[in-house]
Structures are given as structure tokens and as C-alpha cells.
């Protein structure tokens, strides 16, 4: 299965969406898929979770908390 197919099978729109969420290039994601499929799937699963949280927050009409990645670390902050 191609990296883009894995992404779509896990509920995201495209590999580009994963690249936007993670801040990594599509080529980097493809390499992760080729050389460490389990790591790639964990990254995609994290993106699925982030997308679900974003949709829920948008549905509620207000963002109270966001997650962002800064220098490879998860940072949480309120708005």
C-alpha cells in the first residue's frame, strides 16, 4: 500500500494534509513509510487525532486549546 493510501485508509484527505499538520515534507513522509511503517502509522494516527480535535473545536464554535509542534516537541497553549 502506498503512503497516500495508508493516509486515506486512516481517514485523512491526503499525504499533503499530513505534511501540513506535521510540518514535514511529503518526501520525508514517504521515506518514513518506506523505512519505518510503524512510525509512519503512529504519525498519521496523531494527525487523525489532531484533525478530529480541530473539527470538534470548529463545531463548538470556539477554540480553547490548540496543540502545535515546536522544534519537535508538543506544546499546548490556550487562546
PDB file of N, CA and C in Angstrom:
ATOM      1  N   UNK A   1       0.842  -1.174   0.000  1.00  0.00           N
ATOM      2  CA  UNK A   1       0.000   0.000   0.000  1.00  0.00           C
ATOM      3  C   UNK A   1       0.893   1.245   0.000  1.00  0.00           C
ATOM      4  N   UNK A   2       0.586   2.204  -0.848  1.00  0.00           N
ATOM      5  CA  UNK A   2       1.343   3.455  -0.915  1.00  0.00           C
ATOM      6  C   UNK A   2       1.085   4.290   0.338  1.00  0.00           C
ATOM      7  N   UNK A   3       2.001   5.210   0.617  1.00  0.00           N
ATOM      8  CA  UNK A   3       1.847   6.074   1.782  1.00  0.00           C
ATOM      9  C   UNK A   3       0.544   6.871   1.712  1.00  0.00           C
ATOM     10  N   UNK A   4       0.202   7.361   0.538  1.00  0.00           N
ATOM     11  CA  UNK A   4      -1.043   8.131   0.393  1.00  0.00           C
ATOM     12  C   UNK A   4      -2.269   7.249   0.634  1.00  0.00           C
ATOM     13  N   UNK A   5      -2.190   5.992   0.268  1.00  0.00           N
ATOM     14  CA  UNK A   5      -3.299   5.060   0.502  1.00  0.00           C
ATOM     15  C   UNK A   5      -3.462   4.767   1.987  1.00  0.00           C
ATOM     16  N   UNK A   6      -2.338   4.653   2.705  1.00  0.00           N
ATOM     17  CA  UNK A   6      -2.390   4.447   4.153  1.00  0.00           C
ATOM     18  C   UNK A   6      -3.078   5.637   4.807  1.00  0.00           C
ATOM     19  N   UNK A   7      -2.680   6.830   4.406  1.00  0.00           N
ATOM     20  CA  UNK A   7      -3.251   8.058   4.958  1.00  0.00           C
ATOM     21  C   UNK A   7      -4.764   8.088   4.738  1.00  0.00           C
ATOM     22  N   UNK A   8      -5.190   7.815   3.534  1.00  0.00           N
ATOM     23  CA  UNK A   8      -6.625   7.837   3.212  1.00  0.00           C
ATOM     24  C   UNK A   8      -7.374   6.730   3.945  1.00  0.00           C
ATOM     25  N   UNK A   9      -6.756   5.562   4.096  1.00  0.00           N
ATOM     26  CA  UNK A   9      -7.418   4.457   4.791  1.00  0.00           C
ATOM     27  C   UNK A   9      -7.597   4.760   6.280  1.00  0.00           C
ATOM     28  N   UNK A  10      -6.791   5.694   6.798  1.00  0.00           N
ATOM     29  CA  UNK A  10      -6.890   6.069   8.207  1.00  0.00           C
ATOM     30  C   UNK A  10      -7.784   7.294   8.411  1.00  0.00           C
ATOM     31  N   UNK A  11      -8.371   7.809   7.321  1.00  0.00           N
ATOM     32  CA  UNK A  11      -9.383   8.839   7.442  1.00  0.00           C
ATOM     33  C   UNK A  11      -8.982  10.253   7.107  1.00  0.00           C
ATOM     34  N   UNK A  12      -7.776  10.456   6.618  1.00  0.00           N
ATOM     35  CA  UNK A  12      -7.361  11.801   6.226  1.00  0.00           C
ATOM     36  C   UNK A  12      -7.513  11.973   4.720  1.00  0.00           C
ATOM     37  N   UNK A  13      -7.436  13.219   4.278  1.00  0.00           N
ATOM     38  CA  UNK A  13      -7.667  13.529   2.866  1.00  0.00           C
ATOM     39  C   UNK A  13      -6.501  13.151   1.972  1.00  0.00           C
ATOM     40  N   UNK A  14      -5.278  13.452   2.439  1.00  0.00           N
ATOM     41  CA  UNK A  14      -4.127  13.268   1.555  1.00  0.00           C
ATOM     42  C   UNK A  14      -2.822  13.291   2.348  1.00  0.00           C
ATOM     43  N   UNK A  15      -1.767  12.903   1.678  1.00  0.00           N
ATOM     44  CA  UNK A  15      -0.438  12.993   2.263  1.00  0.00           C
ATOM     45  C   UNK A  15      -0.063  14.454   2.496  1.00  0.00           C
ATOM     46  N   UNK A  16      -0.560  15.329   1.633  1.00  0.00           N
ATOM     47  CA  UNK A  16      -0.314  16.765   1.794  1.00  0.00           C
ATOM     48  C   UNK A  16      -0.885  17.265   3.123  1.00  0.00           C
ATOM     49  N   UNK A  17      -2.045  16.760   3.523  1.00  0.00           N
ATOM     50  CA  UNK A  17      -2.640  17.145   4.796  1.00  0.00           C
ATOM     51  C   UNK A  17      -1.737  16.736   5.959  1.00  0.00           C
ATOM     52  N   UNK A  18      -1.159  15.544   5.897  1.00  0.00           N
ATOM     53  CA  UNK A  18      -0.236  15.089   6.941  1.00  0.00           C
ATOM     54  C   UNK A  18       0.995  15.988   6.957  1.00  0.00           C
ATOM     55  N   UNK A  19       1.491  16.352   5.793  1.00  0.00           N
ATOM     56  CA  UNK A  19       2.648  17.244   5.706  1.00  0.00           C
ATOM     57  C   UNK A  19       2.339  18.591   6.335  1.00  0.00           C
ATOM     58  N   UNK A  20       1.144  19.111   6.100  1.00  0.00           N
ATOM     59  CA  UNK A  20       0.757  20.401   6.677  1.00  0.00           C
ATOM     60  C   UNK A  20       0.641  20.318   8.198  1.00  0.00           C
ATOM     61  N   UNK A  21       0.078  19.235   8.708  1.00  0.00           N
ATOM     62  CA  UNK A  21      -0.094  19.080  10.153  1.00  0.00           C
ATOM     63  C   UNK A  21       1.246  18.907  10.845  1.00  0.00           C
ATOM     64  N   UNK A  22       2.133  18.108  10.252  1.00  0.00           N
ATOM     65  CA  UNK A  22       3.413  17.793  10.905  1.00  0.00           C
ATOM     66  C   UNK A  22       4.516  18.801  10.620  1.00  0.00           C
ATOM     67  N   UNK A  23       4.372  19.545   9.531  1.00  0.00           N
ATOM     68  CA  UNK A  23       5.438  20.453   9.138  1.00  0.00           C
ATOM     69  C   UNK A  23       6.594  19.744   8.452  1.00  0.00           C
ATOM     70  N   UNK A  24       6.394  18.513   8.046  1.00  0.00           N
ATOM     71  CA  UNK A  24       7.403  17.731   7.326  1.00  0.00           C
ATOM     72  C   UNK A  24       7.015  17.665   5.859  1.00  0.00           C
ATOM     73  N   UNK A  25       7.996  17.478   5.021  1.00  0.00           N
ATOM     74  CA  UNK A  25       7.718  17.402   3.581  1.00  0.00           C
ATOM     75  C   UNK A  25       7.068  16.064   3.244  1.00  0.00           C
ATOM     76  N   UNK A  26       6.349  16.060   2.127  1.00  0.00           N
ATOM     77  CA  UNK A  26       5.758  14.819   1.660  1.00  0.00           C
ATOM     78  C   UNK A  26       6.840  13.774   1.388  1.00  0.00           C
ATOM     79  N   UNK A  27       7.978  14.212   0.874  1.00  0.00           N
ATOM     80  CA  UNK A  27       9.074  13.273   0.605  1.00  0.00           C
ATOM     81  C   UNK A  27       9.576  12.627   1.888  1.00  0.00           C
ATOM     82  N   UNK A  28       9.677  13.404   2.966  1.00  0.00           N
ATOM     83  CA  UNK A  28      10.087  12.839   4.260  1.00  0.00           C
ATOM     84  C   UNK A  28       9.077  11.800   4.724  1.00  0.00           C
ATOM     85  N   UNK A  29       7.797  12.112   4.584  1.00  0.00           N
ATOM     86  CA  UNK A  29       6.755  11.172   4.987  1.00  0.00           C
ATOM     87  C   UNK A  29       6.819   9.883   4.169  1.00  0.00           C
ATOM     88  N   UNK A  30       7.080  10.014   2.885  1.00  0.00           N
ATOM     89  CA  UNK A  30       7.216   8.835   2.024  1.00  0.00           C
ATOM     90  C   UNK A  30       8.396   7.982   2.484  1.00  0.00           C
ATOM     91  N   UNK A  31       9.497   8.618   2.849  1.00  0.00           N
ATOM     92  CA  UNK A  31      10.668   7.877   3.339  1.00  0.00           C
ATOM     93  C   UNK A  31      10.350   7.168   4.650  1.00  0.00           C
ATOM     94  N   UNK A  32       9.641   7.837   5.551  1.00  0.00           N
ATOM     95  CA  UNK A  32       9.233   7.191   6.807  1.00  0.00           C
ATOM     96  C   UNK A  32       8.386   5.964   6.516  1.00  0.00           C
ATOM     97  N   UNK A  33       7.477   6.090   5.548  1.00  0.00           N
ATOM     98  CA  UNK A  33       6.622   4.966   5.169  1.00  0.00           C
ATOM     99  C   UNK A  33       7.455   3.799   4.654  1.00  0.00           C
ATOM    100  N   UNK A  34       8.448   4.095   3.836  1.00  0.00           N
ATOM    101  CA  UNK A  34       9.288   3.041   3.255  1.00  0.00           C
ATOM    102  C   UNK A  34      10.161   2.343   4.290  1.00  0.00           C
ATOM    103  N   UNK A  35      10.733   3.131   5.211  1.00  0.00           N
ATOM    104  CA  UNK A  35      11.759   2.576   6.087  1.00  0.00           C
ATOM    105  C   UNK A  35      11.298   2.286   7.513  1.00  0.00           C
ATOM    106  N   UNK A  36      10.144   2.819   7.922  1.00  0.00           N
ATOM    107  CA  UNK A  36       9.633   2.553   9.273  1.00  0.00           C
ATOM    108  C   UNK A  36       8.120   2.720   9.271  1.00  0.00           C
ATOM    109  N   UNK A  37       7.431   1.718   8.738  1.00  0.00           N
ATOM    110  CA  UNK A  37       5.988   1.793   8.552  1.00  0.00           C
ATOM    111  C   UNK A  37       5.250   2.013   9.867  1.00  0.00           C
ATOM    112  N   UNK A  38       5.722   1.410  10.949  1.00  0.00           N
ATOM    113  CA  UNK A  38       5.043   1.579  12.234  1.00  0.00           C
ATOM    114  C   UNK A  38       5.141   3.026  12.717  1.00  0.00           C
ATOM    115  N   UNK A  39       6.307   3.641  12.573  1.00  0.00           N
ATOM    116  CA  UNK A  39       6.473   5.044  12.937  1.00  0.00           C
ATOM    117  C   UNK A  39       5.552   5.915  12.084  1.00  0.00           C
ATOM    118  N   UNK A  40       5.525   5.641  10.791  1.00  0.00           N
ATOM    119  CA  UNK A  40       4.668   6.391   9.875  1.00  0.00           C
ATOM    120  C   UNK A  40       3.206   6.307  10.311  1.00  0.00           C
ATOM    121  N   UNK A  41       2.753   5.117  10.656  1.00  0.00           N
ATOM    122  CA  UNK A  41       1.360   4.945  11.071  1.00  0.00           C
ATOM    123  C   UNK A  41       1.058   5.693  12.370  1.00  0.00           C
ATOM    124  N   UNK A  42       2.009   5.729  13.290  1.00  0.00           N
ATOM    125  CA  UNK A  42       1.822   6.477  14.532  1.00  0.00           C
ATOM    126  C   UNK A  42       1.707   7.971  14.228  1.00  0.00           C
ATOM    127  N   UNK A  43       2.541   8.459  13.329  1.00  0.00           N
ATOM    128  CA  UNK A  43       2.478   9.869  12.932  1.00  0.00           C
ATOM    129  C   UNK A  43       1.109  10.173  12.314  1.00  0.00           C
ATOM    130  N   UNK A  44       0.657   9.323  11.420  1.00  0.00           N
ATOM    131  CA  UNK A  44      -0.639   9.537  10.766  1.00  0.00           C
ATOM    132  C   UNK A  44      -1.766   9.471  11.797  1.00  0.00           C
ATOM    133  N   UNK A  45      -1.676   8.534  12.726  1.00  0.00           N
ATOM    134  CA  UNK A  45      -2.690   8.436  13.771  1.00  0.00           C
ATOM    135  C   UNK A  45      -2.745   9.718  14.602  1.00  0.00           C
ATOM    136  N   UNK A  46      -1.594  10.290  14.894  1.00  0.00           N
ATOM    137  CA  UNK A  46      -1.555  11.567  15.592  1.00  0.00           C
ATOM    138  C   UNK A  46      -2.218  12.665  14.779  1.00  0.00           C
ATOM    139  N   UNK A  47      -2.024  12.641  13.483  1.00  0.00           N
ATOM    140  CA  UNK A  47      -2.663  13.628  12.601  1.00  0.00           C
ATOM    141  C   UNK A  47      -4.167  13.423  12.556  1.00  0.00           C
ATOM    142  N   UNK A  48      -4.606  12.175  12.564  1.00  0.00           N
ATOM    143  CA  UNK A  48      -6.039  11.881  12.603  1.00  0.00           C
ATOM    144  C   UNK A  48      -6.629  12.475  13.878  1.00  0.00           C
ATOM    145  N   UNK A  49      -5.968  12.269  15.005  1.00  0.00           N
ATOM    146  CA  UNK A  49      -6.442  12.812  16.281  1.00  0.00           C
ATOM    147  C   UNK A  49      -6.484  14.333  16.247  1.00  0.00           C
ATOM    148  N   UNK A  50      -5.442  14.952  15.727  1.00  0.00           N
ATOM    149  CA  UNK A  50      -5.393  16.415  15.636  1.00  0.00           C
ATOM    150  C   UNK A  50      -6.519  16.938  14.748  1.00  0.00           C
ATOM    151  N   UNK A  51      -6.786  16.259  13.645  1.00  0.00           N
ATOM    152  CA  UNK A  51      -7.854  16.678  12.744  1.00  0.00           C
ATOM    153  C   UNK A  51      -9.218  16.532  13.411  1.00  0.00           C
ATOM    154  N   UNK A  52      -9.403  15.466  14.180  1.00  0.00           N
ATOM    155  CA  UNK A  52     -10.672  15.267  14.890  1.00  0.00           C
ATOM    156  C   UNK A  52     -10.884  16.353  15.947  1.00  0.00           C
ATOM    157  N   UNK A  53      -9.845  16.689  16.680  1.00  0.00           N
ATOM    158  CA  UNK A  53      -9.931  17.749  17.687  1.00  0.00           C
ATOM    159  C   UNK A  53     -10.251  19.078  17.022  1.00  0.00           C
ATOM    160  N   UNK A  54      -9.593  19.343  15.906  1.00  0.00           N
ATOM    161  CA  UNK A  54      -9.840  20.589  15.175  1.00  0.00           C
ATOM    162  C   UNK A  54     -11.289  20.666  14.703  1.00  0.00           C
ATOM    163  N   UNK A  55     -11.801  19.563  14.147  1.00  0.00           N
ATOM    164  CA  UNK A  55     -13.199  19.549  13.695  1.00  0.00           C
ATOM    165  C   UNK A  55     -14.151  19.749  14.869  1.00  0.00           C
ATOM    166  N   UNK A  56     -13.875  19.110  16.002  1.00  0.00           N
ATOM    167  CA  UNK A  56     -14.738  19.257  17.178  1.00  0.00           C
ATOM    168  C   UNK A  56     -14.718  20.692  17.675  1.00  0.00           C
ATOM    169  N   UNK A  57     -13.533  21.286  17.732  1.00  0.00           N
ATOM    170  CA  UNK A  57     -13.428  22.676  18.180  1.00  0.00           C
ATOM    171  C   UNK A  57     -14.158  23.614  17.233  1.00  0.00           C
ATOM    172  N   UNK A  58     -14.025  23.380  15.944  1.00  0.00           N
ATOM    173  CA  UNK A  58     -14.728  24.207  14.960  1.00  0.00           C
ATOM    174  C   UNK A  58     -16.236  24.043  15.084  1.00  0.00           C
ATOM    175  N   UNK A  59     -16.677  22.825  15.362  1.00  0.00           N
ATOM    176  CA  UNK A  59     -18.100  22.560  15.536  1.00  0.00           C
ATOM    177  C   UNK A  59     -18.646  23.298  16.761  1.00  0.00           C
ATOM    178  N   UNK A  60     -17.853  23.381  17.809  1.00  0.00           N
ATOM    179  CA  UNK A  60     -18.278  24.065  19.029  1.00  0.00           C
ATOM    180  C   UNK A  60     -18.239  25.581  18.866  1.00  0.00           C
ATOM    181  N   UNK A  61     -17.546  26.042  17.828  1.00  0.00           N
ATOM    182  CA  UNK A  61     -17.534  27.465  17.539  1.00  0.00           C
ATOM    183  C   UNK A  61     -16.452  28.252  18.251  1.00  0.00           C
ATOM    184  N   UNK A  62     -15.646  27.599  19.044  1.00  0.00           N
ATOM    185  CA  UNK A  62     -14.584  28.321  19.749  1.00  0.00           C
ATOM    186  C   UNK A  62     -13.403  27.392  19.956  1.00  0.00           C
ATOM    187  N   UNK A  63     -12.236  27.968  19.911  1.00  0.00           N
ATOM    188  CA  UNK A  63     -11.026  27.201  20.173  1.00  0.00           C
ATOM    189  C   UNK A  63     -10.535  27.593  21.550  1.00  0.00           C
ATOM    190  N   UNK A  64     -10.488  26.632  22.426  1.00  0.00           N
ATOM    191  CA  UNK A  64      -9.990  26.911  23.766  1.00  0.00           C
ATOM    192  C   UNK A  64      -8.553  26.464  23.920  1.00  0.00           C
ATOM    193  N   UNK A  65      -8.170  25.424  23.209  1.00  0.00           N
ATOM    194  CA  UNK A  65      -6.818  24.888  23.325  1.00  0.00           C
ATOM    195  C   UNK A  65      -6.375  24.359  21.976  1.00  0.00           C
ATOM    196  N   UNK A  66      -5.122  24.595  21.641  1.00  0.00           N
ATOM    197  CA  UNK A  66      -4.553  24.049  20.418  1.00  0.00           C
ATOM    198  C   UNK A  66      -3.279  23.293  20.756  1.00  0.00           C
ATOM    199  N   UNK A  67      -2.956  22.332  19.923  1.00  0.00           N
ATOM    200  CA  UNK A  67      -1.677  21.648  20.015  1.00  0.00           C
ATOM    201  C   UNK A  67      -0.839  22.108  18.834  1.00  0.00           C
ATOM    202  N   UNK A  68       0.404  22.339  19.077  1.00  0.00           N
ATOM    203  CA  UNK A  68       1.306  22.694  17.992  1.00  0.00           C
ATOM    204  C   UNK A  68       2.638  22.014  18.252  1.00  0.00           C
ATOM    205  N   UNK A  69       3.404  21.828  17.223  1.00  0.00           N
ATOM    206  CA  UNK A  69       4.714  21.212  17.343  1.00  0.00           C
ATOM    207  C   UNK A  69       5.763  22.296  17.159  1.00  0.00           C
ATOM    208  N   UNK A  70       6.621  22.444  18.154  1.00  0.00           N
ATOM    209  CA  UNK A  70       7.680  23.433  18.112  1.00  0.00           C
ATOM    210  C   UNK A  70       8.995  22.703  18.350  1.00  0.00           C
ATOM    211  N   UNK A  71       9.889  22.775  17.385  1.00  0.00           N
ATOM    212  CA  UNK A  71      11.185  22.114  17.494  1.00  0.00           C
ATOM    213  C   UNK A  71      11.052  20.644  17.898  1.00  0.00           C
ATOM    214  N   UNK A  72      10.057  19.966  17.325  1.00  0.00           N
ATOM    215  CA  UNK A  72       9.886  18.550  17.568  1.00  0.00           C
ATOM    216  C   UNK A  72       9.220  18.210  18.887  1.00  0.00           C
ATOM    217  N   UNK A  73       8.799  19.207  19.678  1.00  0.00           N
ATOM    218  CA  UNK A  73       8.156  18.957  20.957  1.00  0.00           C
ATOM    219  C   UNK A  73       6.689  19.367  20.878  1.00  0.00           C
ATOM    220  N   UNK A  74       5.831  18.630  21.587  1.00  0.00           N
ATOM    221  CA  UNK A  74       4.433  19.007  21.663  1.00  0.00           C
ATOM    222  C   UNK A  74       4.301  20.173  22.636  1.00  0.00           C
ATOM    223  N   UNK A  75       3.641  21.207  22.233  1.00  0.00           N
ATOM    224  CA  UNK A  75       3.395  22.366  23.093  1.00  0.00           C
ATOM    225  C   UNK A  75       1.885  22.588  23.120  1.00  0.00           C
ATOM    226  N   UNK A  76       1.350  22.880  24.287  1.00  0.00           N
ATOM    227  CA  UNK A  76      -0.071  23.142  24.408  1.00  0.00           C
ATOM    228  C   UNK A  76      -0.245  24.554  24.982  1.00  0.00           C
ATOM    229  N   UNK A  77      -1.194  25.283  24.419  1.00  0.00           N
ATOM    230  CA  UNK A  77      -1.431  26.634  24.907  1.00  0.00           C
ATOM    231  C   UNK A  77      -2.898  26.985  24.745  1.00  0.00           C
ATOM    232  N   UNK A  78      -3.367  27.913  25.545  1.00  0.00           N
ATOM    233  CA  UNK A  78      -4.761  28.337  25.468  1.00  0.00           C
ATOM    234  C   UNK A  78      -4.886  29.604  24.641  1.00  0.00           C
ATOM    235  N   UNK A  79      -6.083  29.839  24.154  1.00  0.00           N
ATOM    236  CA  UNK A  79      -6.357  31.065  23.402  1.00  0.00           C
ATOM    237  C   UNK A  79      -7.417  31.837  24.139  1.00  0.00           C
TER     238      UNK A  79
END
